[in-house]
Amino acid sequence: MAMVVASEKKCDFIALSEPNLTKCKSNNKHMYVSEDLGAMIINYSQRYDVTKYRTVGCWICVETKGVSLYSVYISPNKCSPEGFLNHLGNIQQTLQAISS
């Protein structure tokens, strides 16, 4: 469904949470998956070159010239309140590093 909508709307990227695990493991060079397989970013139009990709736990970040795109999924079934705060802290640190 996401691919259909992306095509109709002429999207460049698709950010997903809880993506299909078979797709996550397909090693498609235009799909970027978080470390815990809970979030994904697809470079759908491939008009932009991804210059950097990184992931820690529940989030994934891809960077192109001038744009950083994050996809985050923190499952309430897999995360304690303390873990949630740790994830937010990690994301905040990377955002601060990018903006510096």
PDB file of N, CA and C in Angstrom:
ATOM      1  N   MET A   1       0.813  -1.185   0.000  1.00  0.00           N
ATOM      2  CA  MET A   1       0.000   0.000   0.000  1.00  0.00           C
ATOM      3  C   MET A   1       0.865   1.260   0.000  1.00  0.00           C
ATOM      4  N   ALA A   2       1.938   1.257   0.787  1.00  0.00           N
ATOM      5  CA  ALA A   2       2.812   2.433   0.851  1.00  0.00           C
ATOM      6  C   ALA A   2       3.410   2.746  -0.515  1.00  0.00           C
ATOM      7  N   MET A   3       3.775   1.716  -1.254  1.00  0.00           N
ATOM      8  CA  MET A   3       4.364   1.918  -2.579  1.00  0.00           C
ATOM      9  C   MET A   3       3.352   2.532  -3.547  1.00  0.00           C
ATOM     10  N   VAL A   4       2.103   2.118  -3.451  1.00  0.00           N
ATOM     11  CA  VAL A   4       1.053   2.656  -4.321  1.00  0.00           C
ATOM     12  C   VAL A   4       0.857   4.143  -4.040  1.00  0.00           C
ATOM     13  N   VAL A   5       0.742   4.486  -2.769  1.00  0.00           N
ATOM     14  CA  VAL A   5       0.554   5.889  -2.389  1.00  0.00           C
ATOM     15  C   VAL A   5       1.775   6.713  -2.788  1.00  0.00           C
ATOM     16  N   ALA A   6       2.974   6.182  -2.552  1.00  0.00           N
ATOM     17  CA  ALA A   6       4.198   6.904  -2.914  1.00  0.00           C
ATOM     18  C   ALA A   6       4.250   7.179  -4.409  1.00  0.00           C
ATOM     19  N   SER A   7       3.828   6.222  -5.192  1.00  0.00           N
ATOM     20  CA  SER A   7       3.809   6.399  -6.641  1.00  0.00           C
ATOM     21  C   SER A   7       2.803   7.470  -7.054  1.00  0.00           C
ATOM     22  N   GLU A   8       1.606   7.402  -6.489  1.00  0.00           N
ATOM     23  CA  GLU A   8       0.564   8.381  -6.816  1.00  0.00           C
ATOM     24  C   GLU A   8       0.966   9.797  -6.412  1.00  0.00           C
ATOM     25  N   LYS A   9       1.605   9.921  -5.260  1.00  0.00           N
ATOM     26  CA  LYS A   9       1.977  11.240  -4.723  1.00  0.00           C
ATOM     27  C   LYS A   9       3.352  11.706  -5.196  1.00  0.00           C
ATOM     28  N   LYS A  10       4.043  10.857  -5.942  1.00  0.00           N
ATOM     29  CA  LYS A  10       5.393  11.162  -6.437  1.00  0.00           C
ATOM     30  C   LYS A  10       6.362  11.453  -5.285  1.00  0.00           C
ATOM     31  N   CYS A  11       6.353  10.571  -4.296  1.00  0.00           N
ATOM     32  CA  CYS A  11       7.210  10.715  -3.116  1.00  0.00           C
ATOM     33  C   CYS A  11       8.657  10.356  -3.440  1.00  0.00           C
ATOM     34  N   ASP A  12       9.562  10.987  -2.733  1.00  0.00           N
ATOM     35  CA  ASP A  12      10.973  10.652  -2.867  1.00  0.00           C
ATOM     36  C   ASP A  12      11.397   9.586  -1.861  1.00  0.00           C
ATOM     37  N   PHE A  13      10.884   9.688  -0.632  1.00  0.00           N
ATOM     38  CA  PHE A  13      11.228   8.739   0.423  1.00  0.00           C
ATOM     39  C   PHE A  13       9.959   8.229   1.091  1.00  0.00           C
ATOM     40  N   ILE A  14      10.052   7.015   1.630  1.00  0.00           N
ATOM     41  CA  ILE A  14       8.973   6.440   2.427  1.00  0.00           C
ATOM     42  C   ILE A  14       9.582   6.056   3.771  1.00  0.00           C
ATOM     43  N   ALA A  15       8.984   6.521   4.866  1.00  0.00           N
ATOM     44  CA  ALA A  15       9.409   6.136   6.212  1.00  0.00           C
ATOM     45  C   ALA A  15       8.341   5.210   6.781  1.00  0.00           C
ATOM     46  N   LEU A  16       8.764   4.041   7.239  1.00  0.00           N
ATOM     47  CA  LEU A  16       7.830   3.026   7.730  1.00  0.00           C
ATOM     48  C   LEU A  16       8.181   2.592   9.144  1.00  0.00           C
ATOM     49  N   SER A  17       7.161   2.197   9.887  1.00  0.00           N
ATOM     50  CA  SER A  17       7.388   1.523  11.163  1.00  0.00           C
ATOM     51  C   SER A  17       6.844   0.110  11.038  1.00  0.00           C
ATOM     52  N   GLU A  18       7.469  -0.799  11.753  1.00  0.00           N
ATOM     53  CA  GLU A  18       7.145  -2.222  11.703  1.00  0.00           C
ATOM     54  C   GLU A  18       7.053  -2.733  10.263  1.00  0.00           C
ATOM     55  N   PRO A  19       8.141  -2.580   9.485  1.00  0.00           N
ATOM     56  CA  PRO A  19       8.110  -3.041   8.098  1.00  0.00           C
ATOM     57  C   PRO A  19       8.116  -4.565   8.001  1.00  0.00           C
ATOM     58  N   ASN A  20       7.798  -5.060   6.831  1.00  0.00           N
ATOM     59  CA  ASN A  20       7.813  -6.490   6.542  1.00  0.00           C
ATOM     60  C   ASN A  20       9.240  -7.019   6.727  1.00  0.00           C
ATOM     61  N   LEU A  21       9.404  -8.031   7.575  1.00  0.00           N
ATOM     62  CA  LEU A  21      10.744  -8.529   7.896  1.00  0.00           C
ATOM     63  C   LEU A  21      11.439  -9.154   6.697  1.00  0.00           C
ATOM     64  N   THR A  22      10.687  -9.766   5.799  1.00  0.00           N
ATOM     65  CA  THR A  22      11.293 -10.335   4.595  1.00  0.00           C
ATOM     66  C   THR A  22      11.923  -9.228   3.759  1.00  0.00           C
ATOM     67  N   LYS A  23      11.225  -8.105   3.630  1.00  0.00           N
ATOM     68  CA  LYS A  23      11.773  -6.957   2.885  1.00  0.00           C
ATOM     69  C   LYS A  23      13.002  -6.392   3.603  1.00  0.00           C
ATOM     70  N   CYS A  24      12.962  -6.361   4.939  1.00  0.00           N
ATOM     71  CA  CYS A  24      14.089  -5.831   5.714  1.00  0.00           C
ATOM     72  C   CYS A  24      15.372  -6.604   5.435  1.00  0.00           C
ATOM     73  N   LYS A  25      15.230  -7.884   5.247  1.00  0.00           N
ATOM     74  CA  LYS A  25      16.390  -8.754   5.078  1.00  0.00           C
ATOM     75  C   LYS A  25      16.767  -8.965   3.617  1.00  0.00           C
ATOM     76  N   SER A  26      16.127  -8.236   2.703  1.00  0.00           N
ATOM     77  CA  SER A  26      16.339  -8.463   1.273  1.00  0.00           C
ATOM     78  C   SER A  26      17.620  -7.832   0.726  1.00  0.00           C
ATOM     79  N   ASN A  27      18.301  -7.011   1.519  1.00  0.00           N
ATOM     80  CA  ASN A  27      19.531  -6.335   1.099  1.00  0.00           C
ATOM     81  C   ASN A  27      19.339  -5.442  -0.124  1.00  0.00           C
ATOM     82  N   ASN A  28      18.171  -4.855  -0.258  1.00  0.00           N
ATOM     83  CA  ASN A  28      17.911  -3.898  -1.329  1.00  0.00           C
ATOM     84  C   ASN A  28      18.708  -2.635  -1.027  1.00  0.00           C
ATOM     85  N   LYS A  29      19.504  -2.176  -1.968  1.00  0.00           N
ATOM     86  CA  LYS A  29      20.386  -1.029  -1.710  1.00  0.00           C
ATOM     87  C   LYS A  29      19.648   0.290  -1.543  1.00  0.00           C
ATOM     88  N   HIS A  30      18.344   0.314  -1.790  1.00  0.00           N
ATOM     89  CA  HIS A  30      17.560   1.537  -1.619  1.00  0.00           C
ATOM     90  C   HIS A  30      16.689   1.496  -0.363  1.00  0.00           C
ATOM     91  N   MET A  31      16.842   0.437   0.443  1.00  0.00           N
ATOM     92  CA  MET A  31      16.093   0.296   1.688  1.00  0.00           C
ATOM     93  C   MET A  31      17.072   0.355   2.853  1.00  0.00           C
ATOM     94  N   TYR A  32      16.769   1.188   3.815  1.00  0.00           N
ATOM     95  CA  TYR A  32      17.618   1.360   4.992  1.00  0.00           C
ATOM     96  C   TYR A  32      16.791   0.979   6.215  1.00  0.00           C
ATOM     97  N   VAL A  33      17.306   0.053   7.023  1.00  0.00           N
ATOM     98  CA  VAL A  33      16.537  -0.542   8.110  1.00  0.00           C
ATOM     99  C   VAL A  33      17.222  -0.283   9.446  1.00  0.00           C
ATOM    100  N   SER A  34      16.405  -0.001  10.473  1.00  0.00           N
ATOM    101  CA  SER A  34      16.964   0.219  11.808  1.00  0.00           C
ATOM    102  C   SER A  34      17.561  -1.068  12.351  1.00  0.00           C
ATOM    103  N   GLU A  35      18.445  -0.900  13.296  1.00  0.00           N
ATOM    104  CA  GLU A  35      19.155  -2.014  13.917  1.00  0.00           C
ATOM    105  C   GLU A  35      18.197  -3.083  14.451  1.00  0.00           C
ATOM    106  N   ASP A  36      17.075  -2.657  15.039  1.00  0.00           N
ATOM    107  CA  ASP A  36      16.124  -3.614  15.616  1.00  0.00           C
ATOM    108  C   ASP A  36      15.025  -4.032  14.633  1.00  0.00           C
ATOM    109  N   LEU A  37      15.142  -3.628  13.366  1.00  0.00           N
ATOM    110  CA  LEU A  37      14.188  -3.949  12.290  1.00  0.00           C
ATOM    111  C   LEU A  37      12.802  -3.353  12.516  1.00  0.00           C
ATOM    112  N   GLY A  38      12.696  -2.332  13.360  1.00  0.00           N
ATOM    113  CA  GLY A  38      11.396  -1.725  13.650  1.00  0.00           C
ATOM    114  C   GLY A  38      11.050  -0.529  12.780  1.00  0.00           C
ATOM    115  N   ALA A  39      12.047   0.037  12.104  1.00  0.00           N
ATOM    116  CA  ALA A  39      11.812   1.219  11.265  1.00  0.00           C
ATOM    117  C   ALA A  39      12.603   1.078   9.969  1.00  0.00           C
ATOM    118  N   MET A  40      12.081   1.680   8.920  1.00  0.00           N
ATOM    119  CA  MET A  40      12.724   1.589   7.612  1.00  0.00           C
ATOM    120  C   MET A  40      12.522   2.895   6.848  1.00  0.00           C
ATOM    121  N   ILE A  41      13.496   3.233   6.028  1.00  0.00           N
ATOM    122  CA  ILE A  41      13.367   4.334   5.078  1.00  0.00           C
ATOM    123  C   ILE A  41      13.696   3.773   3.701  1.00  0.00           C
ATOM    124  N   ILE A  42      12.824   4.047   2.748  1.00  0.00           N
ATOM    125  CA  ILE A  42      13.040   3.604   1.375  1.00  0.00           C
ATOM    126  C   ILE A  42      13.310   4.831   0.513  1.00  0.00           C
ATOM    127  N   ASN A  43      14.407   4.807  -0.205  1.00  0.00           N
ATOM    128  CA  ASN A  43      14.726   5.863  -1.170  1.00  0.00           C
ATOM    129  C   ASN A  43      13.920   5.532  -2.429  1.00  0.00           C
ATOM    130  N   TYR A  44      12.655   5.908  -2.421  1.00  0.00           N
ATOM    131  CA  TYR A  44      11.694   5.443  -3.412  1.00  0.00           C
ATOM    132  C   TYR A  44      11.974   5.985  -4.812  1.00  0.00           C
ATOM    133  N   SER A  45      12.126   7.278  -4.944  1.00  0.00           N
ATOM    134  CA  SER A  45      12.321   7.855  -6.283  1.00  0.00           C
ATOM    135  C   SER A  45      13.757   7.685  -6.778  1.00  0.00           C
ATOM    136  N   GLN A  46      14.679   7.501  -5.866  1.00  0.00           N
ATOM    137  CA  GLN A  46      16.106   7.380  -6.153  1.00  0.00           C
ATOM    138  C   GLN A  46      16.656   8.618  -6.866  1.00  0.00           C
ATOM    139  N   ARG A  47      15.968   9.744  -6.721  1.00  0.00           N
ATOM    140  CA  ARG A  47      16.459  11.005  -7.283  1.00  0.00           C
ATOM    141  C   ARG A  47      17.538  11.622  -6.405  1.00  0.00           C
ATOM    142  N   TYR A  48      17.621  11.170  -5.172  1.00  0.00           N
ATOM    143  CA  TYR A  48      18.596  11.713  -4.233  1.00  0.00           C
ATOM    144  C   TYR A  48      19.588  10.633  -3.847  1.00  0.00           C
ATOM    145  N   ASP A  49      20.856  10.992  -3.810  1.00  0.00           N
ATOM    146  CA  ASP A  49      21.887  10.062  -3.365  1.00  0.00           C
ATOM    147  C   ASP A  49      21.974  10.116  -1.850  1.00  0.00           C
ATOM    148  N   VAL A  50      21.883   8.966  -1.215  1.00  0.00           N
ATOM    149  CA  VAL A  50      22.052   8.885   0.234  1.00  0.00           C
ATOM    150  C   VAL A  50      23.551   8.924   0.506  1.00  0.00           C
ATOM    151  N   THR A  51      23.987   9.952   1.219  1.00  0.00           N
ATOM    152  CA  THR A  51      25.413  10.135   1.485  1.00  0.00           C
ATOM    153  C   THR A  51      25.851   9.530   2.813  1.00  0.00           C
ATOM    154  N   LYS A  52      24.886   9.326   3.710  1.00  0.00           N
ATOM    155  CA  LYS A  52      25.207   8.768   5.026  1.00  0.00           C
ATOM    156  C   LYS A  52      23.986   8.030   5.549  1.00  0.00           C
ATOM    157  N   TYR A  53      24.258   6.948   6.265  1.00  0.00           N
ATOM    158  CA  TYR A  53      23.205   6.123   6.840  1.00  0.00           C
ATOM    159  C   TYR A  53      23.679   5.671   8.205  1.00  0.00           C
ATOM    160  N   ARG A  54      22.812   5.777   9.204  1.00  0.00           N
ATOM    161  CA  ARG A  54      23.183   5.268  10.530  1.00  0.00           C
ATOM    162  C   ARG A  54      21.940   4.823  11.287  1.00  0.00           C
ATOM    163  N   THR A  55      22.163   3.909  12.198  1.00  0.00           N
ATOM    164  CA  THR A  55      21.076   3.381  13.011  1.00  0.00           C
ATOM    165  C   THR A  55      21.604   3.012  14.384  1.00  0.00           C
ATOM    166  N   VAL A  56      20.773   3.239  15.379  1.00  0.00           N
ATOM    167  CA  VAL A  56      21.034   2.768  16.737  1.00  0.00           C
ATOM    168  C   VAL A  56      19.694   2.293  17.275  1.00  0.00           C
ATOM    169  N   GLY A  57      19.594   1.013  17.558  1.00  0.00           N
ATOM    170  CA  GLY A  57      18.369   0.473  18.145  1.00  0.00           C
ATOM    171  C   GLY A  57      17.130   0.706  17.315  1.00  0.00           C
ATOM    172  N   CYS A  58      16.288   1.627  17.756  1.00  0.00           N
ATOM    173  CA  CYS A  58      14.939   1.810  17.213  1.00  0.00           C
ATOM    174  C   CYS A  58      14.833   2.859  16.121  1.00  0.00           C
ATOM    175  N   TRP A  59      15.914   3.493  15.731  1.00  0.00           N
ATOM    176  CA  TRP A  59      15.801   4.544  14.724  1.00  0.00           C
ATOM    177  C   TRP A  59      16.800   4.361  13.598  1.00  0.00           C
ATOM    178  N   ILE A  60      16.457   4.960  12.487  1.00  0.00           N
ATOM    179  CA  ILE A  60      17.287   4.939  11.289  1.00  0.00           C
ATOM    180  C   ILE A  60      17.363   6.372  10.767  1.00  0.00           C
ATOM    181  N   CYS A  61      18.501   6.763  10.280  1.00  0.00           N
ATOM    182  CA  CYS A  61      18.663   8.095   9.689  1.00  0.00           C
ATOM    183  C   CYS A  61      19.387   7.951   8.359  1.00  0.00           C
ATOM    184  N   VAL A  62      18.861   8.590   7.334  1.00  0.00           N
ATOM    185  CA  VAL A  62      19.577   8.702   6.068  1.00  0.00           C
ATOM    186  C   VAL A  62      19.787  10.187   5.802  1.00  0.00           C
ATOM    187  N   GLU A  63      20.923  10.490   5.206  1.00  0.00           N
ATOM    188  CA  GLU A  63      21.222  11.874   4.867  1.00  0.00           C
ATOM    189  C   GLU A  63      21.489  11.979   3.380  1.00  0.00           C
ATOM    190  N   THR A  64      20.964  13.039   2.806  1.00  0.00           N
ATOM    191  CA  THR A  64      21.267  13.413   1.437  1.00  0.00           C
ATOM    192  C   THR A  64      21.835  14.819   1.516  1.00  0.00           C
ATOM    193  N   LYS A  65      22.216  15.366   0.406  1.00  0.00           N
ATOM    194  CA  LYS A  65      22.757  16.723   0.430  1.00  0.00           C
ATOM    195  C   LYS A  65      21.695  17.681   0.952  1.00  0.00           C
ATOM    196  N   GLY A  66      21.903  18.178   2.177  1.00  0.00           N
ATOM    197  CA  GLY A  66      21.007  19.169   2.755  1.00  0.00           C
ATOM    198  C   GLY A  66      19.809  18.636   3.512  1.00  0.00           C
ATOM    199  N   VAL A  67      19.591  17.324   3.552  1.00  0.00           N
ATOM    200  CA  VAL A  67      18.410  16.776   4.232  1.00  0.00           C
ATOM    201  C   VAL A  67      18.805  15.566   5.075  1.00  0.00           C
ATOM    202  N   SER A  68      18.320  15.539   6.313  1.00  0.00           N
ATOM    203  CA  SER A  68      18.442  14.361   7.177  1.00  0.00           C
ATOM    204  C   SER A  68      17.034  13.871   7.464  1.00  0.00           C
ATOM    205  N   LEU A  69      16.804  12.596   7.242  1.00  0.00           N
ATOM    206  CA  LEU A  69      15.476  12.016   7.431  1.00  0.00           C
ATOM    207  C   LEU A  69      15.569  10.878   8.440  1.00  0.00           C
ATOM    208  N   TYR A  70      14.731  10.951   9.479  1.00  0.00           N
ATOM    209  CA  TYR A  70      14.696   9.927  10.517  1.00  0.00           C
ATOM    210  C   TYR A  70      13.391   9.150  10.439  1.00  0.00           C
ATOM    211  N   SER A  71      13.472   7.873  10.747  1.00  0.00           N
ATOM    212  CA  SER A  71      12.294   7.050  10.973  1.00  0.00           C
ATOM    213  C   SER A  71      12.524   6.359  12.311  1.00  0.00           C
ATOM    214  N   VAL A  72      11.573   6.499  13.208  1.00  0.00           N
ATOM    215  CA  VAL A  72      11.719   5.982  14.572  1.00  0.00           C
ATOM    216  C   VAL A  72      10.499   5.146  14.915  1.00  0.00           C
ATOM    217  N   TYR A  73      10.737   3.987  15.527  1.00  0.00           N
ATOM    218  CA  TYR A  73       9.633   3.208  16.065  1.00  0.00           C
ATOM    219  C   TYR A  73      10.091   2.596  17.376  1.00  0.00           C
ATOM    220  N   ILE A  74       9.439   2.996  18.451  1.00  0.00           N
ATOM    221  CA  ILE A  74       9.738   2.447  19.768  1.00  0.00           C
ATOM    222  C   ILE A  74       8.529   1.638  20.196  1.00  0.00           C
ATOM    223  N   SER A  75       8.681   0.333  20.218  1.00  0.00           N
ATOM    224  CA  SER A  75       7.573  -0.553  20.560  1.00  0.00           C
ATOM    225  C   SER A  75       7.298  -0.517  22.057  1.00  0.00           C
ATOM    226  N   PRO A  76       6.045  -0.280  22.440  1.00  0.00           N
ATOM    227  CA  PRO A  76       5.716  -0.311  23.867  1.00  0.00           C
ATOM    228  C   PRO A  76       5.862  -1.713  24.456  1.00  0.00           C
ATOM    229  N   ASN A  77       5.878  -2.727  23.599  1.00  0.00           N
ATOM    230  CA  ASN A  77       6.026  -4.104  24.072  1.00  0.00           C
ATOM    231  C   ASN A  77       7.474  -4.484  24.334  1.00  0.00           C
ATOM    232  N   LYS A  78       8.415  -3.714  23.804  1.00  0.00           N
ATOM    233  CA  LYS A  78       9.827  -4.063  23.927  1.00  0.00           C
ATOM    234  C   LYS A  78      10.633  -3.057  24.743  1.00  0.00           C
ATOM    235  N   CYS A  79       9.969  -2.055  25.301  1.00  0.00           N
ATOM    236  CA  CYS A  79      10.726  -0.958  25.886  1.00  0.00           C
ATOM    237  C   CYS A  79      10.150  -0.525  27.232  1.00  0.00           C
ATOM    238  N   SER A  80      11.028  -0.395  28.204  1.00  0.00           N
ATOM    239  CA  SER A  80      10.633   0.138  29.511  1.00  0.00           C
ATOM    240  C   SER A  80      10.593   1.663  29.421  1.00  0.00           C
ATOM    241  N   PRO A  81       9.985   2.330  30.405  1.00  0.00           N
ATOM    242  CA  PRO A  81      10.016   3.804  30.406  1.00  0.00           C
ATOM    243  C   PRO A  81      11.446   4.359  30.392  1.00  0.00           C
ATOM    244  N   GLU A  82      12.357   3.698  31.099  1.00  0.00           N
ATOM    245  CA  GLU A  82      13.752   4.143  31.108  1.00  0.00           C
ATOM    246  C   GLU A  82      14.385   3.950  29.734  1.00  0.00           C
ATOM    247  N   GLY A  83      14.090   2.822  29.103  1.00  0.00           N
ATOM    248  CA  GLY A  83      14.601   2.569  27.754  1.00  0.00           C
ATOM    249  C   GLY A  83      14.091   3.594  26.759  1.00  0.00           C
ATOM    250  N   PHE A  84      12.820   3.976  26.911  1.00  0.00           N
ATOM    251  CA  PHE A  84      12.226   4.991  26.046  1.00  0.00           C
ATOM    252  C   PHE A  84      12.999   6.304  26.160  1.00  0.00           C
ATOM    253  N   LEU A  85      13.282   6.710  27.394  1.00  0.00           N
ATOM    254  CA  LEU A  85      14.039   7.949  27.613  1.00  0.00           C
ATOM    255  C   LEU A  85      15.454   7.848  27.046  1.00  0.00           C
ATOM    256  N   ASN A  86      16.070   6.675  27.157  1.00  0.00           N
ATOM    257  CA  ASN A  86      17.403   6.475  26.578  1.00  0.00           C
ATOM    258  C   ASN A  86      17.367   6.625  25.059  1.00  0.00           C
ATOM    259  N   HIS A  87      16.350   6.031  24.425  1.00  0.00           N
ATOM    260  CA  HIS A  87      16.209   6.155  22.968  1.00  0.00           C
ATOM    261  C   HIS A  87      16.053   7.619  22.571  1.00  0.00           C
ATOM    262  N   LEU A  88      15.204   8.350  23.289  1.00  0.00           N
ATOM    263  CA  LEU A  88      15.007   9.768  22.977  1.00  0.00           C
ATOM    264  C   LEU A  88      16.303  10.556  23.154  1.00  0.00           C
ATOM    265  N   GLY A  89      17.065  10.220  24.183  1.00  0.00           N
ATOM    266  CA  GLY A  89      18.352  10.883  24.410  1.00  0.00           C
ATOM    267  C   GLY A  89      19.328  10.636  23.268  1.00  0.00           C
ATOM    268  N   ASN A  90      19.381   9.396  22.780  1.00  0.00           N
ATOM    269  CA  ASN A  90      20.261   9.074  21.647  1.00  0.00           C
ATOM    270  C   ASN A  90      19.874   9.858  20.401  1.00  0.00           C
ATOM    271  N   ILE A  91      18.580   9.925  20.137  1.00  0.00           N
ATOM    272  CA  ILE A  91      18.101  10.663  18.968  1.00  0.00           C
ATOM    273  C   ILE A  91      18.428  12.147  19.114  1.00  0.00           C
ATOM    274  N   GLN A  92      18.213  12.687  20.309  1.00  0.00           N
ATOM    275  CA  GLN A  92      18.502  14.102  20.552  1.00  0.00           C
ATOM    276  C   GLN A  92      19.983  14.407  20.322  1.00  0.00           C
ATOM    277  N   GLN A  93      20.857  13.529  20.775  1.00  0.00           N
ATOM    278  CA  GLN A  93      22.296  13.740  20.581  1.00  0.00           C
ATOM    279  C   GLN A  93      22.657  13.792  19.103  1.00  0.00           C
ATOM    280  N   THR A  94      22.090  12.900  18.308  1.00  0.00           N
ATOM    281  CA  THR A  94      22.414  12.914  16.878  1.00  0.00           C
ATOM    282  C   THR A  94      21.854  14.151  16.193  1.00  0.00           C
ATOM    283  N   LEU A  95      20.672  14.589  16.612  1.00  0.00           N
ATOM    284  CA  LEU A  95      20.104  15.807  16.031  1.00  0.00           C
ATOM    285  C   LEU A  95      20.965  17.025  16.367  1.00  0.00           C
ATOM    286  N   GLN A  96      21.465  17.074  17.597  1.00  0.00           N
ATOM    287  CA  GLN A  96      22.331  18.184  17.996  1.00  0.00           C
ATOM    288  C   GLN A  96      23.640  18.166  17.213  1.00  0.00           C
ATOM    289  N   ALA A  97      24.174  16.979  16.966  1.00  0.00           N
ATOM    290  CA  ALA A  97      25.422  16.867  16.203  1.00  0.00           C
ATOM    291  C   ALA A  97      25.229  17.338  14.764  1.00  0.00           C
ATOM    292  N   ILE A  98      24.086  17.028  14.180  1.00  0.00           N
ATOM    293  CA  ILE A  98      23.803  17.441  12.802  1.00  0.00           C
ATOM    294  C   ILE A  98      23.661  18.950  12.710  1.00  0.00           C
ATOM    295  N   SER A  99      22.989  19.547  13.698  1.00  0.00           N
ATOM    296  CA  SER A  99      22.716  20.986  13.631  1.00  0.00           C
ATOM    297  C   SER A  99      23.916  21.843  14.013  1.00  0.00           C
ATOM    298  N   SER A 100      24.962  21.229  14.542  1.00  0.00           N
ATOM    299  CA  SER A 100      26.160  21.998  14.957  1.00  0.00           C
ATOM    300  C   SER A 100      27.029  22.344  13.770  1.00  0.00           C
TER     301      SER A 100
END
